Amino acid sequence: MSERISRLCDELRIKLHGLDRRLEALKSNGVATFDHSQDVLEGQLDRVEQRIYDHRVAVEAANARAKAWVAEKKSGLHATHVLRNEKDKIYLLESEADEAETYASAAFELAAAAADEAILAVLHAVLARNKADQAAFPEMSPPG
C-alpha cells in the first residue's frame, strides 16, 4: 500500500473515531434534562453546520475529482494509448496509480463530508424529537 493511501486510511480512521465519539455524546445528552440537552444539541448543530460550510469548497473539488476519474475510467482513455516501449508502459502505470490515489483521496473526503451530513441529520432528528416530546408531555418539560 502506498504511503499516500496509508495516510488516507489513518485519516479516515481518525474521522470515524471522532464521529463515533460525537454519536456517543449525542446518546448521552438524550438522557440529560430537556433544557440542558437542547442547548448542548443546538451548540453541536451549530458546530457541525459550520464545519460543513467551512469544508464545502474542498468537498465540491473532491466531488469533481471523483466524477472526473469515473468518467475517465468509463471512457477507457488509457486503453487507447499505444505503448511503444517498457518506459511508456511504466509511465502509464504510474499515471494510473497516481490518478487512482487521487480518486481514493477524493472518496475519503466525500466520506468524511457524508459523515458530517449524517451527524447533522441525527442532530436535527434529536432536536425535533425533543420538541415533539415536550409538546406531548408538557408536564415533563422544564418551566419556561
N, C-alpha and C. Protein backbone atom coordinates (compact mmCIF):
# COMPACT_ATOMS: atom_id res chain seq x y z
N MET A 1 0.85 -1.17 0.00
CA MET A 1 0.00 0.00 0.00
C MET A 1 0.90 1.23 0.00
N SER A 2 0.54 2.20 -0.81
CA SER A 2 1.37 3.39 -0.90
C SER A 2 1.25 4.22 0.37
N GLU A 3 2.24 5.06 0.57
CA GLU A 3 2.25 5.95 1.73
C GLU A 3 1.02 6.85 1.74
N ARG A 4 0.65 7.34 0.56
CA ARG A 4 -0.50 8.24 0.45
C ARG A 4 -1.79 7.54 0.87
N ILE A 5 -2.00 6.32 0.42
CA ILE A 5 -3.20 5.57 0.77
C ILE A 5 -3.17 5.21 2.25
N SER A 6 -2.03 4.84 2.76
CA SER A 6 -1.91 4.53 4.18
C SER A 6 -2.29 5.74 5.04
N ARG A 7 -1.82 6.91 4.63
CA ARG A 7 -2.14 8.15 5.35
C ARG A 7 -3.65 8.42 5.27
N LEU A 8 -4.24 8.21 4.09
CA LEU A 8 -5.67 8.42 3.93
C LEU A 8 -6.48 7.48 4.84
N CYS A 9 -6.05 6.23 4.91
CA CYS A 9 -6.73 5.28 5.78
C CYS A 9 -6.65 5.72 7.24
N ASP A 10 -5.49 6.19 7.65
CA ASP A 10 -5.33 6.68 9.02
C ASP A 10 -6.22 7.88 9.28
N GLU A 11 -6.28 8.80 8.32
CA GLU A 11 -7.13 9.99 8.47
C GLU A 11 -8.60 9.61 8.58
N LEU A 12 -9.04 8.67 7.73
CA LEU A 12 -10.44 8.24 7.79
C LEU A 12 -10.73 7.55 9.12
N ARG A 13 -9.81 6.74 9.58
CA ARG A 13 -9.99 6.05 10.86
C ARG A 13 -10.16 7.08 11.99
N ILE A 14 -9.37 8.14 11.97
CA ILE A 14 -9.47 9.20 12.98
C ILE A 14 -10.82 9.89 12.87
N LYS A 15 -11.24 10.20 11.64
CA LYS A 15 -12.53 10.86 11.45
C LYS A 15 -13.69 9.98 11.90
N LEU A 16 -13.60 8.70 11.60
CA LEU A 16 -14.66 7.78 12.02
C LEU A 16 -14.70 7.65 13.54
N HIS A 17 -13.53 7.65 14.16
CA HIS A 17 -13.47 7.61 15.62
C HIS A 17 -14.12 8.87 16.21
N GLY A 18 -13.83 10.02 15.61
CA GLY A 18 -14.45 11.27 16.06
C GLY A 18 -15.95 11.23 15.89
N LEU A 19 -16.41 10.67 14.77
CA LEU A 19 -17.84 10.52 14.53
C LEU A 19 -18.46 9.64 15.61
N ASP A 20 -17.81 8.54 15.92
CA ASP A 20 -18.31 7.64 16.95
C ASP A 20 -18.40 8.35 18.30
N ARG A 21 -17.38 9.13 18.64
CA ARG A 21 -17.41 9.89 19.91
C ARG A 21 -18.56 10.88 19.93
N ARG A 22 -18.77 11.58 18.80
CA ARG A 22 -19.85 12.56 18.75
C ARG A 22 -21.22 11.88 18.86
N LEU A 23 -21.36 10.71 18.24
CA LEU A 23 -22.63 9.99 18.35
C LEU A 23 -22.86 9.49 19.77
N GLU A 24 -21.82 9.03 20.42
CA GLU A 24 -21.96 8.61 21.82
C GLU A 24 -22.34 9.80 22.71
N ALA A 25 -21.76 10.96 22.44
CA ALA A 25 -22.12 12.17 23.20
C ALA A 25 -23.58 12.52 22.97
N LEU A 26 -24.04 12.37 21.74
CA LEU A 26 -25.45 12.63 21.44
C LEU A 26 -26.36 11.71 22.25
N LYS A 27 -26.01 10.43 22.29
CA LYS A 27 -26.82 9.48 23.04
C LYS A 27 -26.85 9.84 24.52
N SER A 28 -25.71 10.21 25.06
CA SER A 28 -25.67 10.53 26.49
C SER A 28 -26.41 11.83 26.78
N ASN A 29 -26.41 12.77 25.84
CA ASN A 29 -27.15 14.01 26.03
C ASN A 29 -28.65 13.77 26.05
N GLY A 30 -29.11 12.72 25.39
CA GLY A 30 -30.52 12.41 25.38
C GLY A 30 -31.04 12.05 26.76
N VAL A 31 -30.17 11.64 27.64
CA VAL A 31 -30.56 11.27 28.99
C VAL A 31 -30.61 12.50 29.89
N ALA A 32 -29.94 13.56 29.50
CA ALA A 32 -29.92 14.78 30.30
C ALA A 32 -31.29 15.44 30.29
N THR A 33 -31.45 16.44 31.10
CA THR A 33 -32.73 17.16 31.12
C THR A 33 -32.95 17.81 29.77
N PHE A 34 -34.21 18.03 29.42
CA PHE A 34 -34.53 18.60 28.12
C PHE A 34 -33.84 19.93 27.93
N ASP A 35 -33.92 20.81 28.91
CA ASP A 35 -33.37 22.15 28.78
C ASP A 35 -31.88 22.11 28.50
N HIS A 36 -31.16 21.30 29.27
CA HIS A 36 -29.71 21.21 29.09
C HIS A 36 -29.37 20.56 27.75
N SER A 37 -30.03 19.46 27.45
CA SER A 37 -29.68 18.76 26.21
C SER A 37 -30.04 19.60 25.00
N GLN A 38 -31.10 20.38 25.08
CA GLN A 38 -31.48 21.24 23.96
C GLN A 38 -30.36 22.23 23.65
N ASP A 39 -29.81 22.87 24.68
CA ASP A 39 -28.72 23.83 24.48
C ASP A 39 -27.48 23.14 23.93
N VAL A 40 -27.16 22.00 24.48
CA VAL A 40 -25.98 21.25 24.04
C VAL A 40 -26.15 20.82 22.58
N LEU A 41 -27.31 20.28 22.27
CA LEU A 41 -27.57 19.81 20.91
C LEU A 41 -27.54 20.96 19.91
N GLU A 42 -28.13 22.08 20.27
CA GLU A 42 -28.11 23.24 19.37
C GLU A 42 -26.69 23.74 19.16
N GLY A 43 -25.86 23.70 20.19
CA GLY A 43 -24.46 24.08 20.05
C GLY A 43 -23.72 23.13 19.11
N GLN A 44 -23.98 21.83 19.28
CA GLN A 44 -23.36 20.85 18.39
C GLN A 44 -23.83 21.04 16.96
N LEU A 45 -25.11 21.33 16.80
CA LEU A 45 -25.68 21.56 15.47
C LEU A 45 -24.97 22.73 14.80
N ASP A 46 -24.78 23.80 15.55
CA ASP A 46 -24.08 24.97 15.00
C ASP A 46 -22.66 24.63 14.57
N ARG A 47 -21.96 23.85 15.40
CA ARG A 47 -20.57 23.49 15.07
C ARG A 47 -20.51 22.60 13.82
N VAL A 48 -21.42 21.66 13.72
CA VAL A 48 -21.41 20.77 12.56
C VAL A 48 -21.78 21.55 11.30
N GLU A 49 -22.78 22.42 11.40
CA GLU A 49 -23.15 23.25 10.24
C GLU A 49 -21.97 24.11 9.80
N GLN A 50 -21.24 24.66 10.76
CA GLN A 50 -20.08 25.48 10.42
C GLN A 50 -18.98 24.65 9.77
N ARG A 51 -18.76 23.44 10.29
CA ARG A 51 -17.75 22.56 9.71
C ARG A 51 -18.11 22.20 8.27
N ILE A 52 -19.39 21.90 8.04
CA ILE A 52 -19.84 21.59 6.68
C ILE A 52 -19.63 22.80 5.78
N TYR A 53 -19.99 23.98 6.28
CA TYR A 53 -19.82 25.20 5.49
C TYR A 53 -18.34 25.45 5.19
N ASP A 54 -17.49 25.28 6.19
CA ASP A 54 -16.06 25.52 6.03
C ASP A 54 -15.42 24.59 5.01
N HIS A 55 -15.94 23.39 4.89
CA HIS A 55 -15.35 22.38 4.00
C HIS A 55 -16.06 22.27 2.65
N ARG A 56 -17.03 23.12 2.39
CA ARG A 56 -17.84 22.98 1.18
C ARG A 56 -17.01 23.06 -0.09
N VAL A 57 -16.03 23.97 -0.14
CA VAL A 57 -15.22 24.13 -1.35
C VAL A 57 -14.38 22.87 -1.59
N ALA A 58 -13.78 22.35 -0.53
CA ALA A 58 -12.97 21.13 -0.65
C ALA A 58 -13.83 19.94 -1.06
N VAL A 59 -15.05 19.88 -0.54
CA VAL A 59 -15.94 18.78 -0.88
C VAL A 59 -16.37 18.88 -2.34
N GLU A 60 -16.67 20.08 -2.80
CA GLU A 60 -17.03 20.27 -4.21
C GLU A 60 -15.87 19.86 -5.12
N ALA A 61 -14.67 20.23 -4.74
CA ALA A 61 -13.49 19.85 -5.53
C ALA A 61 -13.29 18.33 -5.51
N ALA A 62 -13.47 17.72 -4.36
CA ALA A 62 -13.33 16.25 -4.27
C ALA A 62 -14.38 15.57 -5.13
N ASN A 63 -15.58 16.10 -5.12
CA ASN A 63 -16.65 15.53 -5.94
C ASN A 63 -16.29 15.62 -7.42
N ALA A 64 -15.75 16.76 -7.82
CA ALA A 64 -15.34 16.94 -9.23
C ALA A 64 -14.23 15.96 -9.60
N ARG A 65 -13.24 15.78 -8.69
CA ARG A 65 -12.15 14.84 -8.96
C ARG A 65 -12.67 13.42 -9.08
N ALA A 66 -13.59 13.04 -8.20
CA ALA A 66 -14.14 11.69 -8.23
C ALA A 66 -14.92 11.46 -9.52
N LYS A 67 -15.74 12.43 -9.89
CA LYS A 67 -16.52 12.29 -11.13
C LYS A 67 -15.61 12.22 -12.35
N ALA A 68 -14.56 13.03 -12.36
CA ALA A 68 -13.63 13.02 -13.49
C ALA A 68 -12.95 11.65 -13.61
N TRP A 69 -12.55 11.08 -12.49
CA TRP A 69 -11.88 9.78 -12.52
C TRP A 69 -12.83 8.71 -13.05
N VAL A 70 -14.07 8.72 -12.55
CA VAL A 70 -15.05 7.74 -13.00
C VAL A 70 -15.33 7.91 -14.50
N ALA A 71 -15.48 9.15 -14.94
CA ALA A 71 -15.74 9.40 -16.36
C ALA A 71 -14.57 8.92 -17.22
N GLU A 72 -13.36 9.16 -16.75
CA GLU A 72 -12.18 8.71 -17.50
C GLU A 72 -12.13 7.20 -17.57
N LYS A 73 -12.46 6.55 -16.46
CA LYS A 73 -12.46 5.08 -16.45
C LYS A 73 -13.50 4.53 -17.41
N LYS A 74 -14.67 5.16 -17.42
CA LYS A 74 -15.74 4.70 -18.31
C LYS A 74 -15.38 4.91 -19.77
N SER A 75 -14.69 6.00 -20.04
CA SER A 75 -14.36 6.30 -21.43
C SER A 75 -13.24 5.42 -21.96
N GLY A 76 -12.45 4.84 -21.08
CA GLY A 76 -11.37 3.95 -21.49
C GLY A 76 -10.23 4.68 -22.17
N LEU A 77 -9.95 5.92 -21.74
CA LEU A 77 -8.89 6.70 -22.38
C LEU A 77 -7.54 6.00 -22.34
N HIS A 78 -7.26 5.33 -21.24
CA HIS A 78 -5.94 4.68 -21.13
C HIS A 78 -5.80 3.52 -22.10
N ALA A 79 -6.90 2.93 -22.48
CA ALA A 79 -6.84 1.78 -23.39
C ALA A 79 -6.41 2.20 -24.79
N THR A 80 -6.55 3.49 -25.11
CA THR A 80 -6.20 3.95 -26.46
C THR A 80 -4.71 4.26 -26.60
N HIS A 81 -3.98 4.29 -25.49
CA HIS A 81 -2.55 4.59 -25.57
C HIS A 81 -1.80 3.47 -26.29
N VAL A 82 -0.93 3.86 -27.16
CA VAL A 82 -0.07 2.89 -27.83
C VAL A 82 1.24 2.85 -27.07
N LEU A 83 1.56 1.69 -26.56
CA LEU A 83 2.76 1.55 -25.77
C LEU A 83 3.91 1.15 -26.68
N ARG A 84 4.84 2.07 -26.83
CA ARG A 84 5.97 1.82 -27.73
C ARG A 84 7.07 1.00 -27.07
N ASN A 85 7.25 1.23 -25.78
CA ASN A 85 8.31 0.50 -25.10
C ASN A 85 7.96 0.34 -23.62
N GLU A 86 8.86 -0.30 -22.90
CA GLU A 86 8.65 -0.57 -21.48
C GLU A 86 8.53 0.73 -20.69
N LYS A 87 9.29 1.75 -21.08
CA LYS A 87 9.25 3.04 -20.39
C LYS A 87 7.86 3.66 -20.51
N ASP A 88 7.23 3.55 -21.68
CA ASP A 88 5.87 4.05 -21.86
C ASP A 88 4.89 3.30 -20.95
N LYS A 89 5.08 2.00 -20.87
CA LYS A 89 4.20 1.18 -20.04
C LYS A 89 4.33 1.58 -18.57
N ILE A 90 5.55 1.77 -18.11
CA ILE A 90 5.78 2.17 -16.72
C ILE A 90 5.17 3.54 -16.45
N TYR A 91 5.38 4.46 -17.38
CA TYR A 91 4.81 5.80 -17.23
C TYR A 91 3.29 5.72 -17.14
N LEU A 92 2.68 4.93 -18.00
CA LEU A 92 1.22 4.79 -18.00
C LEU A 92 0.73 4.18 -16.68
N LEU A 93 1.42 3.15 -16.21
CA LEU A 93 1.02 2.51 -14.96
C LEU A 93 1.19 3.46 -13.77
N GLU A 94 2.28 4.24 -13.77
CA GLU A 94 2.48 5.23 -12.70
C GLU A 94 1.38 6.28 -12.74
N SER A 95 1.04 6.73 -13.92
CA SER A 95 -0.01 7.72 -14.09
C SER A 95 -1.35 7.19 -13.60
N GLU A 96 -1.66 5.96 -13.95
CA GLU A 96 -2.91 5.34 -13.50
C GLU A 96 -2.93 5.20 -11.98
N ALA A 97 -1.80 4.84 -11.40
CA ALA A 97 -1.73 4.71 -9.94
C ALA A 97 -1.93 6.07 -9.27
N ASP A 98 -1.30 7.11 -9.80
CA ASP A 98 -1.48 8.46 -9.25
C ASP A 98 -2.94 8.89 -9.33
N GLU A 99 -3.55 8.64 -10.47
CA GLU A 99 -4.96 9.02 -10.65
C GLU A 99 -5.87 8.24 -9.71
N ALA A 100 -5.59 6.97 -9.53
CA ALA A 100 -6.39 6.15 -8.61
C ALA A 100 -6.24 6.63 -7.17
N GLU A 101 -5.02 7.03 -6.80
CA GLU A 101 -4.81 7.57 -5.46
C GLU A 101 -5.53 8.90 -5.28
N THR A 102 -5.55 9.72 -6.32
CA THR A 102 -6.30 10.98 -6.26
C THR A 102 -7.79 10.70 -6.08
N TYR A 103 -8.27 9.70 -6.80
CA TYR A 103 -9.68 9.31 -6.66
C TYR A 103 -9.95 8.81 -5.24
N ALA A 104 -9.06 8.00 -4.71
CA ALA A 104 -9.22 7.49 -3.34
C ALA A 104 -9.25 8.65 -2.35
N SER A 105 -8.37 9.60 -2.53
CA SER A 105 -8.34 10.77 -1.66
C SER A 105 -9.66 11.53 -1.73
N ALA A 106 -10.17 11.71 -2.93
CA ALA A 106 -11.45 12.40 -3.11
C ALA A 106 -12.57 11.61 -2.44
N ALA A 107 -12.56 10.30 -2.60
CA ALA A 107 -13.60 9.47 -2.00
C ALA A 107 -13.56 9.56 -0.47
N PHE A 108 -12.36 9.61 0.10
CA PHE A 108 -12.23 9.77 1.55
C PHE A 108 -12.79 11.12 1.99
N GLU A 109 -12.50 12.17 1.25
CA GLU A 109 -13.04 13.49 1.58
C GLU A 109 -14.56 13.47 1.52
N LEU A 110 -15.11 12.82 0.51
CA LEU A 110 -16.56 12.73 0.39
C LEU A 110 -17.16 11.90 1.52
N ALA A 111 -16.47 10.86 1.93
CA ALA A 111 -16.96 10.04 3.05
C ALA A 111 -16.98 10.84 4.34
N ALA A 112 -15.96 11.64 4.57
CA ALA A 112 -15.92 12.48 5.77
C ALA A 112 -17.05 13.50 5.73
N ALA A 113 -17.29 14.07 4.55
CA ALA A 113 -18.39 15.05 4.42
C ALA A 113 -19.73 14.36 4.64
N ALA A 114 -19.87 13.14 4.15
CA ALA A 114 -21.12 12.39 4.36
C ALA A 114 -21.33 12.10 5.84
N ALA A 115 -20.24 11.83 6.55
CA ALA A 115 -20.34 11.58 7.99
C ALA A 115 -20.84 12.84 8.70
N ASP A 116 -20.32 14.00 8.32
CA ASP A 116 -20.80 15.25 8.91
C ASP A 116 -22.28 15.48 8.59
N GLU A 117 -22.69 15.17 7.37
CA GLU A 117 -24.10 15.31 6.99
C GLU A 117 -24.97 14.36 7.83
N ALA A 118 -24.46 13.16 8.08
CA ALA A 118 -25.20 12.19 8.90
C ALA A 118 -25.34 12.71 10.33
N ILE A 119 -24.28 13.27 10.87
CA ILE A 119 -24.35 13.83 12.22
C ILE A 119 -25.36 14.97 12.26
N LEU A 120 -25.34 15.82 11.24
CA LEU A 120 -26.28 16.93 11.16
C LEU A 120 -27.72 16.39 11.14
N ALA A 121 -27.96 15.35 10.37
CA ALA A 121 -29.30 14.76 10.29
C ALA A 121 -29.73 14.19 11.65
N VAL A 122 -28.81 13.53 12.35
CA VAL A 122 -29.12 12.99 13.67
C VAL A 122 -29.45 14.12 14.64
N LEU A 123 -28.66 15.19 14.60
CA LEU A 123 -28.93 16.32 15.49
C LEU A 123 -30.32 16.92 15.22
N HIS A 124 -30.64 17.10 13.94
CA HIS A 124 -31.96 17.62 13.61
C HIS A 124 -33.06 16.67 14.11
N ALA A 125 -32.85 15.38 13.95
CA ALA A 125 -33.84 14.40 14.39
C ALA A 125 -34.01 14.43 15.91
N VAL A 126 -32.90 14.49 16.64
CA VAL A 126 -32.98 14.51 18.10
C VAL A 126 -33.66 15.79 18.57
N LEU A 127 -33.32 16.92 17.99
CA LEU A 127 -33.96 18.18 18.37
C LEU A 127 -35.46 18.15 18.06
N ALA A 128 -35.83 17.62 16.89
CA ALA A 128 -37.24 17.52 16.54
C ALA A 128 -37.98 16.59 17.50
N ARG A 129 -37.33 15.47 17.86
CA ARG A 129 -37.96 14.54 18.81
C ARG A 129 -38.12 15.20 20.17
N ASN A 130 -37.12 15.95 20.61
CA ASN A 130 -37.24 16.66 21.89
C ASN A 130 -38.42 17.62 21.87
N LYS A 131 -38.58 18.36 20.78
CA LYS A 131 -39.70 19.30 20.67
C LYS A 131 -41.03 18.57 20.67
N ALA A 132 -41.10 17.45 19.95
CA ALA A 132 -42.34 16.67 19.92
C ALA A 132 -42.66 16.11 21.31
N ASP A 133 -41.65 15.61 22.00
CA ASP A 133 -41.85 15.09 23.35
C ASP A 133 -42.29 16.19 24.30
N GLN A 134 -41.71 17.36 24.15
CA GLN A 134 -42.07 18.49 25.00
C GLN A 134 -43.53 18.87 24.76
N ALA A 135 -43.97 18.86 23.51
CA ALA A 135 -45.36 19.19 23.20
C ALA A 135 -46.31 18.11 23.71
N ALA A 136 -45.90 16.84 23.61
CA ALA A 136 -46.76 15.73 24.03
C ALA A 136 -46.82 15.58 25.54
N PHE A 137 -45.74 15.93 26.21
CA PHE A 137 -45.66 15.76 27.68
C PHE A 137 -45.20 17.07 28.32
N PRO A 138 -46.03 18.11 28.27
CA PRO A 138 -45.60 19.42 28.79
C PRO A 138 -45.28 19.39 30.29
N GLU A 139 -45.87 18.45 31.00
CA GLU A 139 -45.60 18.37 32.44
C GLU A 139 -44.16 17.94 32.74
N MET A 140 -43.50 17.31 31.77
CA MET A 140 -42.11 16.86 31.98
C MET A 140 -41.11 17.91 31.50
N SER A 141 -41.59 18.94 30.84
CA SER A 141 -40.71 20.00 30.33
C SER A 141 -40.36 20.94 31.47
N PRO A 142 -39.18 21.54 31.39
CA PRO A 142 -38.78 22.49 32.42
C PRO A 142 -39.68 23.74 32.33
N PRO A 143 -39.87 24.42 33.45
CA PRO A 143 -40.70 25.63 33.41
C PRO A 143 -40.02 26.66 32.49
N GLY A 144 -40.80 27.39 31.75
CA GLY A 144 -40.17 28.30 30.82
C GLY A 144 -40.88 29.55 30.78
